[in-house]
Amino acid sequence: MSDFFESEFVQEAIQDINELQEEIYTEVFAFDKLDREDKVKHLDKLDTLLEKQRNLYTRMTLSDDPRAKEMRDNVRKSAIMMGFPSDVDCGVLFANMQKTLNNVRKQIS
């Protein structure tokens, strides 16, 4: 059994996700005050973050590493805490997040 989190690719993905989350968090409360161009840039960052999270989650589902399985389960538990049903399919969760981003993008166009 390989250690999922020792993979250079996984470490890089986690670092990218953390950096994007920090950038997005610092901007999120000012979103309404941003001009259209900055809102689009913010949404682009959110798209990138969502894609990286989706890819990492997919890798976790394919891994036998116990820590990867635990992290995958924590993602599901977080979704449940946010109000999603207990049998939530995280693929559906990511698809719904993408739809939400697309709807926001349409609203600012």
Protein backbone atom coordinates (compact mmCIF):
# COMPACT_ATOMS: atom_id res chain seq x y z
CA MET A 1 0.00 0.00 0.00
CA SER A 2 1.41 3.35 -1.00
CA ASP A 3 1.13 6.46 1.08
CA PHE A 4 -1.27 8.67 -0.85
CA PHE A 5 -0.02 11.87 0.74
CA GLU A 6 3.63 11.15 -0.09
CA SER A 7 2.92 11.53 -3.79
CA GLU A 8 4.50 14.68 -5.20
CA PHE A 9 1.40 15.21 -7.34
CA VAL A 10 -0.91 14.99 -4.31
CA GLN A 11 1.28 17.30 -2.24
CA GLU A 12 1.32 19.85 -5.06
CA ALA A 13 -2.46 19.58 -5.50
CA ILE A 14 -3.06 20.13 -1.78
CA GLN A 15 -0.72 23.12 -1.76
CA ASP A 16 -2.48 24.63 -4.79
CA ILE A 17 -5.88 24.08 -3.17
CA ASN A 18 -4.78 25.69 0.08
CA GLU A 19 -3.32 28.72 -1.70
CA LEU A 20 -6.43 29.19 -3.82
CA GLN A 21 -8.67 28.86 -0.76
CA GLU A 22 -6.70 31.57 1.03
CA GLU A 23 -6.89 33.92 -1.97
CA ILE A 24 -10.60 33.32 -2.41
CA TYR A 25 -11.35 33.73 1.27
CA THR A 26 -9.69 37.14 1.37
CA GLU A 27 -11.85 38.31 -1.56
CA VAL A 28 -15.18 36.64 -0.85
CA PHE A 29 -16.55 39.24 1.54
CA ALA A 30 -15.88 42.05 -0.92
CA PHE A 31 -17.43 40.23 -3.90
CA ASP A 32 -20.46 42.53 -4.10
CA LYS A 33 -18.17 45.56 -4.26
CA LEU A 34 -15.94 44.18 -7.03
CA ASP A 35 -16.34 45.43 -10.57
CA ARG A 36 -17.48 42.97 -13.23
CA GLU A 37 -13.96 42.11 -14.38
CA ASP A 38 -12.79 41.33 -10.84
CA LYS A 39 -15.92 39.27 -10.20
CA VAL A 40 -15.14 37.20 -13.30
CA LYS A 41 -11.56 36.70 -12.08
CA HIS A 42 -12.88 35.61 -8.69
CA LEU A 43 -15.25 33.13 -10.33
CA ASP A 44 -12.39 31.84 -12.47
CA LYS A 45 -10.43 31.14 -9.28
CA LEU A 46 -13.44 29.34 -7.85
CA ASP A 47 -13.70 27.24 -11.02
CA THR A 48 -10.03 26.33 -10.75
CA LEU A 49 -10.38 25.48 -7.07
CA LEU A 50 -13.43 23.33 -7.69
CA GLU A 51 -11.69 21.42 -10.46
CA LYS A 52 -8.61 20.79 -8.30
CA GLN A 53 -10.80 19.65 -5.41
CA ARG A 54 -12.78 17.35 -7.71
CA ASN A 55 -9.59 15.83 -9.09
CA LEU A 56 -8.13 15.28 -5.63
CA TYR A 57 -11.37 13.73 -4.41
CA THR A 58 -11.38 11.39 -7.40
CA ARG A 59 -7.81 10.35 -6.63
CA MET A 60 -8.83 9.72 -3.01
CA THR A 61 -11.67 7.45 -4.12
CA LEU A 62 -9.21 5.39 -6.17
CA SER A 63 -6.68 5.06 -3.36
CA ASP A 64 -6.44 2.24 -0.82
CA ASP A 65 -4.51 4.47 1.57
CA PRO A 66 -6.40 4.65 4.90
CA ARG A 67 -5.67 8.37 5.30
CA ALA A 68 -7.04 9.09 1.81
CA LYS A 69 -10.17 7.10 2.68
CA GLU A 70 -10.51 9.06 5.92
CA MET A 71 -10.17 12.38 4.11
CA ARG A 72 -12.73 11.26 1.52
CA ASP A 73 -15.13 10.35 4.35
CA ASN A 74 -14.53 13.75 5.96
CA VAL A 75 -15.54 15.44 2.70
CA ARG A 76 -18.78 13.47 2.73
CA LYS A 77 -19.39 14.31 6.40
CA SER A 78 -18.83 18.01 5.67
CA ALA A 79 -21.37 17.84 2.86
CA ILE A 80 -23.88 16.27 5.22
CA MET A 81 -23.22 18.99 7.80
CA MET A 82 -23.98 21.56 5.10
CA GLY A 83 -27.41 20.00 4.61
CA PHE A 84 -26.86 17.44 1.87
CA PRO A 85 -28.50 14.03 2.31
CA SER A 86 -26.49 11.34 4.11
CA ASP A 87 -26.23 9.30 0.92
CA VAL A 88 -24.83 12.23 -1.03
CA ASP A 89 -22.81 11.35 -4.11
CA CYS A 90 -19.87 13.74 -4.07
CA GLY A 91 -19.84 13.72 -7.86
CA VAL A 92 -23.31 15.25 -7.68
CA LEU A 93 -22.08 17.65 -5.01
CA PHE A 94 -19.29 18.91 -7.28
CA ALA A 95 -21.69 19.14 -10.23
CA ASN A 96 -24.11 21.24 -8.15
CA MET A 97 -21.30 23.55 -7.09
CA GLN A 98 -20.35 23.97 -10.75
CA LYS A 99 -23.96 24.79 -11.65
CA THR A 100 -24.04 27.40 -8.90
CA LEU A 101 -20.87 29.01 -10.21
CA ASN A 102 -22.28 29.00 -13.73
CA ASN A 103 -25.49 30.67 -12.50
CA VAL A 104 -23.53 33.39 -10.69
CA ARG A 105 -21.45 33.90 -13.83
CA LYS A 106 -24.65 34.37 -15.89
CA GLN A 107 -26.01 36.87 -13.37
CA ILE A 108 -23.00 39.15 -13.66
CA SER A 109 -22.85 38.98 -17.46
